Amino acid sequence: MLTALLYRIFYVFHLMECDIFYRDHPPYDGLGDRCSRNEIAAGTATQYSILGMTTTLCGTINLFVAGWMAKRYGPRMALMMQTFVPSIRVATQIVGVLAGGEAGIIIFQCTQLITIIGGPVGYILVANIIAGELVVPARRTAVFGMLQGCIMLGQGIGYLSGFSSP
């Protein structure tokens, strides 16, 4: 599920922020979770908000890049780029998680810049461009609706089965 994935990302940010906090503070010697502090929760929320903002901003820019790619290289090549590049982003995010701490958070947030070149927002646009080229003008609205319905159905099935991506 997407929410489970988002909680995992949030949890990873929480652990990395905890590592950052205890780098400058004395080691924890009490009972319970050592990361259960307000300072750590505030830092986690800040970093996670920055991640959300960069995801939205880079996804919006990706719309323009995907449109440009479709005009310049054709919709097929643009679709290949829009679906291939997110795998590079995920691999880089794994590197960020392995790095941990402040470097890991920065790497993870910077991976959203990769979304400018390719991502889910762009491949939905390119899929609509391809559908618009294949269908006669009188049927385009119906086909766009069916395409969006299929995308929503696929996302729903992915969420329910646990195979979702950020």
Protein backbone atom coordinates (compact mmCIF):
# COMPACT_ATOMS: atom_id res chain seq x y z
CA MET A 1 0.00 0.00 0.00
CA LEU A 2 1.11 3.54 -0.66
CA THR A 3 0.50 4.52 2.94
CA ALA A 4 2.68 1.65 4.11
CA LEU A 5 5.44 2.80 1.76
CA LEU A 6 5.11 6.39 2.93
CA TYR A 7 5.33 5.22 6.54
CA ARG A 8 8.50 3.32 5.65
CA ILE A 9 10.03 6.42 4.11
CA PHE A 10 8.95 8.44 7.14
CA TYR A 11 10.43 5.79 9.46
CA VAL A 12 13.74 5.82 7.57
CA PHE A 13 13.82 9.62 7.83
CA HIS A 14 13.05 9.28 11.54
CA LEU A 15 15.99 6.91 12.07
CA MET A 16 18.36 9.10 10.06
CA GLU A 17 17.25 12.17 12.02
CA CYS A 18 17.80 10.20 15.24
CA ASP A 19 21.37 9.43 14.13
CA ILE A 20 21.93 13.14 13.45
CA PHE A 21 20.57 14.09 16.88
CA TYR A 22 22.75 11.67 18.84
CA ARG A 23 25.85 12.71 16.95
CA ASP A 24 25.84 15.98 18.96
CA HIS A 25 24.13 14.78 22.17
CA PRO A 26 25.10 12.27 24.87
CA PRO A 27 24.11 8.63 24.28
CA TYR A 28 20.65 7.55 25.39
CA ASP A 29 20.59 5.52 28.61
CA GLY A 30 16.90 5.50 29.59
CA LEU A 31 14.03 3.12 29.01
CA GLY A 32 12.03 2.88 25.79
CA ASP A 33 12.80 4.12 22.30
CA ARG A 34 15.87 6.33 22.14
CA CYS A 35 14.44 8.16 19.12
CA SER A 36 11.22 9.13 20.89
CA ARG A 37 12.12 12.79 21.43
CA ASN A 38 10.36 15.96 20.31
CA GLU A 39 13.51 17.34 18.68
CA ILE A 40 13.84 14.24 16.52
CA ALA A 41 10.14 14.27 15.60
CA ALA A 42 10.38 17.95 14.59
CA GLY A 43 13.46 17.33 12.46
CA THR A 44 11.81 14.33 10.81
CA ALA A 45 8.69 16.33 9.99
CA THR A 46 10.79 19.13 8.51
CA GLN A 47 12.83 16.83 6.31
CA TYR A 48 9.76 14.87 5.20
CA SER A 49 7.99 18.13 4.29
CA ILE A 50 10.97 19.18 2.20
CA LEU A 51 10.80 15.80 0.44
CA GLY A 52 7.10 16.33 -0.32
CA MET A 53 7.70 19.83 -1.66
CA THR A 54 10.54 18.72 -3.92
CA THR A 55 8.45 15.79 -5.18
CA THR A 56 5.61 18.13 -6.15
CA LEU A 57 7.89 20.75 -7.70
CA CYS A 58 9.98 18.25 -9.67
CA GLY A 59 6.84 16.39 -10.83
CA THR A 60 5.43 19.64 -12.18
CA ILE A 61 8.65 20.44 -14.02
CA ASN A 62 8.60 16.87 -15.34
CA LEU A 63 5.38 17.67 -17.21
CA PHE A 64 7.22 20.27 -19.29
CA VAL A 65 10.24 18.02 -19.82
CA ALA A 66 8.03 15.08 -20.86
CA GLY A 67 6.16 17.29 -23.34
CA TRP A 68 9.44 18.55 -24.75
CA MET A 69 10.78 14.97 -25.04
CA ALA A 70 7.64 13.86 -26.84
CA LYS A 71 8.00 16.70 -29.36
CA ARG A 72 11.73 16.33 -29.80
CA TYR A 73 12.25 12.54 -29.76
CA GLY A 74 8.74 11.23 -30.29
CA PRO A 75 6.25 9.78 -27.83
CA ARG A 76 7.72 6.25 -27.79
CA MET A 77 11.18 7.40 -26.75
CA ALA A 78 9.65 9.82 -24.26
CA LEU A 79 7.58 7.00 -22.74
CA MET A 80 10.67 4.81 -22.44
CA MET A 81 12.55 7.61 -20.68
CA GLN A 82 9.63 8.41 -18.37
CA THR A 83 9.39 4.79 -17.23
CA PHE A 84 13.12 3.97 -17.08
CA VAL A 85 14.42 6.97 -15.15
CA PRO A 86 12.40 6.25 -11.95
CA SER A 87 14.38 3.01 -11.53
CA ILE A 88 17.55 5.11 -11.35
CA ARG A 89 15.86 7.29 -8.73
CA VAL A 90 14.93 4.28 -6.58
CA ALA A 91 18.46 2.86 -6.83
CA THR A 92 19.86 6.22 -5.72
CA GLN A 93 17.39 6.34 -2.83
CA ILE A 94 18.72 2.98 -1.67
CA VAL A 95 22.20 4.51 -1.63
CA GLY A 96 20.81 7.35 0.49
CA VAL A 97 19.26 4.96 2.99
CA LEU A 98 22.53 3.02 3.23
CA ALA A 99 24.49 6.25 3.75
CA GLY A 100 22.22 7.21 6.65
CA GLY A 101 22.36 10.34 8.76
CA GLU A 102 22.48 13.79 7.25
CA ALA A 103 24.11 12.59 4.03
CA GLY A 104 21.36 10.01 3.57
CA ILE A 105 18.60 12.58 3.97
CA ILE A 106 20.25 14.94 1.50
CA ILE A 107 20.81 12.14 -1.03
CA PHE A 108 17.20 10.97 -0.64
CA GLN A 109 15.83 14.49 -1.15
CA CYS A 110 18.12 15.18 -4.10
CA THR A 111 16.90 12.04 -5.84
CA GLN A 112 13.66 13.91 -6.47
CA LEU A 113 15.62 16.01 -8.98
CA ILE A 114 15.86 12.85 -11.08
CA THR A 115 12.05 13.03 -11.31
CA ILE A 116 12.48 16.08 -13.55
CA ILE A 117 13.84 13.81 -16.30
CA GLY A 118 11.33 10.99 -15.84
CA GLY A 119 8.54 9.97 -13.53
CA PRO A 120 4.90 9.06 -13.12
CA VAL A 121 3.55 12.50 -13.96
CA GLY A 122 5.44 12.49 -17.26
CA TYR A 123 4.48 9.01 -18.36
CA ILE A 124 0.79 9.71 -17.80
CA LEU A 125 1.15 12.77 -20.04
CA VAL A 126 3.01 10.79 -22.71
CA ALA A 127 0.43 7.98 -22.55
CA ASN A 128 -2.25 10.59 -23.23
CA ILE A 129 -0.22 11.95 -26.15
CA ILE A 130 0.09 8.46 -27.64
CA ALA A 131 -3.62 7.79 -27.16
CA GLY A 132 -4.42 11.13 -28.80
CA GLU A 133 -2.35 10.20 -31.85
CA LEU A 134 -3.94 6.76 -32.24
CA VAL A 135 -7.61 7.67 -31.83
CA VAL A 136 -9.85 9.67 -34.13
CA PRO A 137 -10.77 13.09 -32.73
CA ALA A 138 -14.41 12.18 -32.06
CA ARG A 139 -13.37 9.36 -29.66
CA ARG A 140 -10.49 11.08 -27.85
CA THR A 141 -12.45 12.24 -24.80
CA ALA A 142 -13.83 8.76 -24.20
CA VAL A 143 -10.41 7.17 -24.67
CA PHE A 144 -8.75 9.68 -22.31
CA GLY A 145 -11.39 8.83 -19.70
CA MET A 146 -10.83 5.09 -20.14
CA LEU A 147 -7.06 5.58 -19.96
CA GLN A 148 -7.33 7.55 -16.72
CA GLY A 149 -9.73 4.93 -15.35
CA CYS A 150 -7.22 2.19 -16.15
CA ILE A 151 -4.44 4.17 -14.45
CA MET A 152 -6.58 4.62 -11.33
CA LEU A 153 -7.58 0.94 -11.37
CA GLY A 154 -3.94 -0.11 -11.69
CA GLN A 155 -2.92 2.17 -8.82
CA GLY A 156 -5.75 0.82 -6.70
CA ILE A 157 -4.75 -2.77 -7.37
CA GLY A 158 -1.13 -1.88 -6.61
CA TYR A 159 -2.09 -0.27 -3.30
CA LEU A 160 -4.28 -3.19 -2.29
CA SER A 161 -1.68 -5.78 -3.19
CA GLY A 162 1.18 -3.84 -1.62
CA PHE A 163 3.05 -3.15 -4.85
CA SER A 164 3.07 0.61 -4.96
CA SER A 165 5.74 3.22 -5.65
CA PRO A 166 6.22 6.73 -4.37
